[in-house]
Amino acid sequence: MFRRIESLARQTGAGRIALEFEGQSVQAFEGQMLATALLESGVTVFRQTPVSGAARGPLCLMGVCFECLVEIDGRPNQQACMVVVREGMQVRRQAGARA
């Protein structure tokens, strides 16, 4: 299970924001990376592979593996581990290869 260490969250003084993942509201902290916000919310499947349709989720969390690709505000192939959350962003799972 992936969860935030609350004492560290309080130390930073970051405010809460809301975004949407697949139409569901997700709470995150300002300055947080999208991948960690989704993982904290219980989302483990970020995309499906183009060949087999297998479920994939974040692996490295540092922009190397490309397993965390999502669609953000209609733009596919965004690495969730490299994108800082912002209020109101619309995120969807990426299914297969980009169009």
Protein backbone atom coordinates (compact mmCIF):
# COMPACT_ATOMS: atom_id res chain seq x y z
CA MET A 1 0.00 0.00 0.00
CA PHE A 2 1.21 3.46 -0.87
CA ARG A 3 0.45 6.23 1.62
CA ARG A 4 1.73 9.65 2.60
CA ILE A 5 3.62 10.19 5.84
CA GLU A 6 1.31 12.82 7.33
CA SER A 7 3.91 14.43 9.58
CA LEU A 8 5.99 15.26 6.48
CA ALA A 9 2.93 16.61 4.67
CA ARG A 10 2.22 18.99 7.55
CA GLN A 11 5.83 20.20 7.61
CA THR A 12 5.69 21.40 4.02
CA GLY A 13 2.54 23.45 4.55
CA ALA A 14 1.23 22.41 1.13
CA GLY A 15 -2.44 23.07 0.49
CA ARG A 16 -4.89 20.53 -0.87
CA ILE A 17 -6.17 20.60 -4.43
CA ALA A 18 -8.63 18.46 -6.39
CA LEU A 19 -8.22 16.82 -9.78
CA GLU A 20 -10.16 14.15 -11.66
CA PHE A 21 -9.07 10.67 -12.63
CA GLU A 22 -11.49 8.77 -14.86
CA GLY A 23 -14.28 11.09 -13.68
CA GLN A 24 -13.60 10.55 -9.96
CA SER A 25 -12.33 13.30 -7.69
CA VAL A 26 -8.81 12.83 -6.32
CA GLN A 27 -7.31 14.92 -3.53
CA ALA A 28 -3.64 15.90 -3.77
CA PHE A 29 -1.17 18.31 -2.23
CA GLU A 30 0.20 21.33 -4.09
CA GLY A 31 3.61 20.46 -5.54
CA GLN A 32 2.95 16.71 -5.49
CA MET A 33 3.69 14.58 -8.53
CA LEU A 34 0.62 13.14 -10.26
CA ALA A 35 1.80 9.53 -9.96
CA THR A 36 2.11 9.72 -6.18
CA ALA A 37 -1.27 11.45 -5.85
CA LEU A 38 -2.93 8.66 -7.85
CA LEU A 39 -1.11 5.93 -5.94
CA GLU A 40 -2.22 7.48 -2.62
CA SER A 41 -5.79 7.39 -3.92
CA GLY A 42 -5.56 3.66 -4.60
CA VAL A 43 -5.02 3.86 -8.37
CA THR A 44 -2.47 1.23 -9.43
CA VAL A 45 -3.29 0.78 -13.13
CA PHE A 46 -2.32 3.82 -15.20
CA ARG A 47 -2.38 2.32 -18.71
CA GLN A 48 -2.81 -0.81 -20.84
CA THR A 49 -0.07 -2.03 -23.17
CA PRO A 50 -0.65 -1.73 -26.94
CA VAL A 51 0.14 -5.38 -27.74
CA SER A 52 -1.51 -7.49 -25.03
CA GLY A 53 -3.63 -4.95 -23.18
CA ALA A 54 -1.85 -5.84 -19.92
CA ALA A 55 -2.31 -3.43 -17.03
CA ARG A 56 0.71 -1.29 -16.19
CA GLY A 57 1.52 1.10 -13.37
CA PRO A 58 4.43 3.21 -12.12
CA LEU A 59 7.68 1.36 -11.63
CA CYS A 60 10.65 3.74 -11.31
CA LEU A 61 8.91 7.02 -10.35
CA MET A 62 11.78 8.99 -11.93
CA GLY A 63 10.89 9.20 -15.63
CA VAL A 64 12.92 6.28 -16.96
CA CYS A 65 10.47 3.39 -17.45
CA PHE A 66 7.43 5.07 -19.12
CA GLU A 67 5.03 2.69 -17.32
CA CYS A 68 3.04 5.60 -15.84
CA LEU A 69 1.84 7.11 -19.14
CA VAL A 70 -1.57 8.78 -18.86
CA GLU A 71 -3.71 11.24 -20.77
CA ILE A 72 -3.81 14.68 -19.13
CA ASP A 73 -6.37 17.23 -20.33
CA GLY A 74 -6.68 15.36 -23.64
CA ARG A 75 -2.91 15.04 -24.24
CA PRO A 76 -1.70 11.41 -24.35
CA ASN A 77 1.73 10.03 -23.39
CA GLN A 78 2.27 12.17 -20.31
CA GLN A 79 4.52 10.65 -17.66
CA ALA A 80 2.54 10.92 -14.42
CA CYS A 81 5.72 10.72 -12.34
CA MET A 82 7.10 13.85 -14.02
CA VAL A 83 3.98 16.06 -13.89
CA VAL A 84 3.13 18.26 -10.91
CA VAL A 85 -0.58 18.21 -10.02
CA ARG A 86 -2.70 21.28 -10.58
CA GLU A 87 -6.23 22.16 -9.61
CA GLY A 88 -8.87 20.74 -11.94
CA MET A 89 -6.62 18.66 -14.20
CA GLN A 90 -8.46 15.87 -16.02
CA VAL A 91 -6.57 12.58 -16.10
CA ARG A 92 -7.48 9.34 -17.89
CA ARG A 93 -5.85 5.96 -18.28
CA GLN A 94 -4.01 5.50 -21.54
CA ALA A 95 -5.21 2.50 -23.51
CA GLY A 96 -2.72 1.09 -25.99
CA ALA A 97 -0.49 3.12 -28.28
CA ARG A 98 -1.04 6.78 -28.96
CA ALA A 99 -3.17 7.77 -31.93
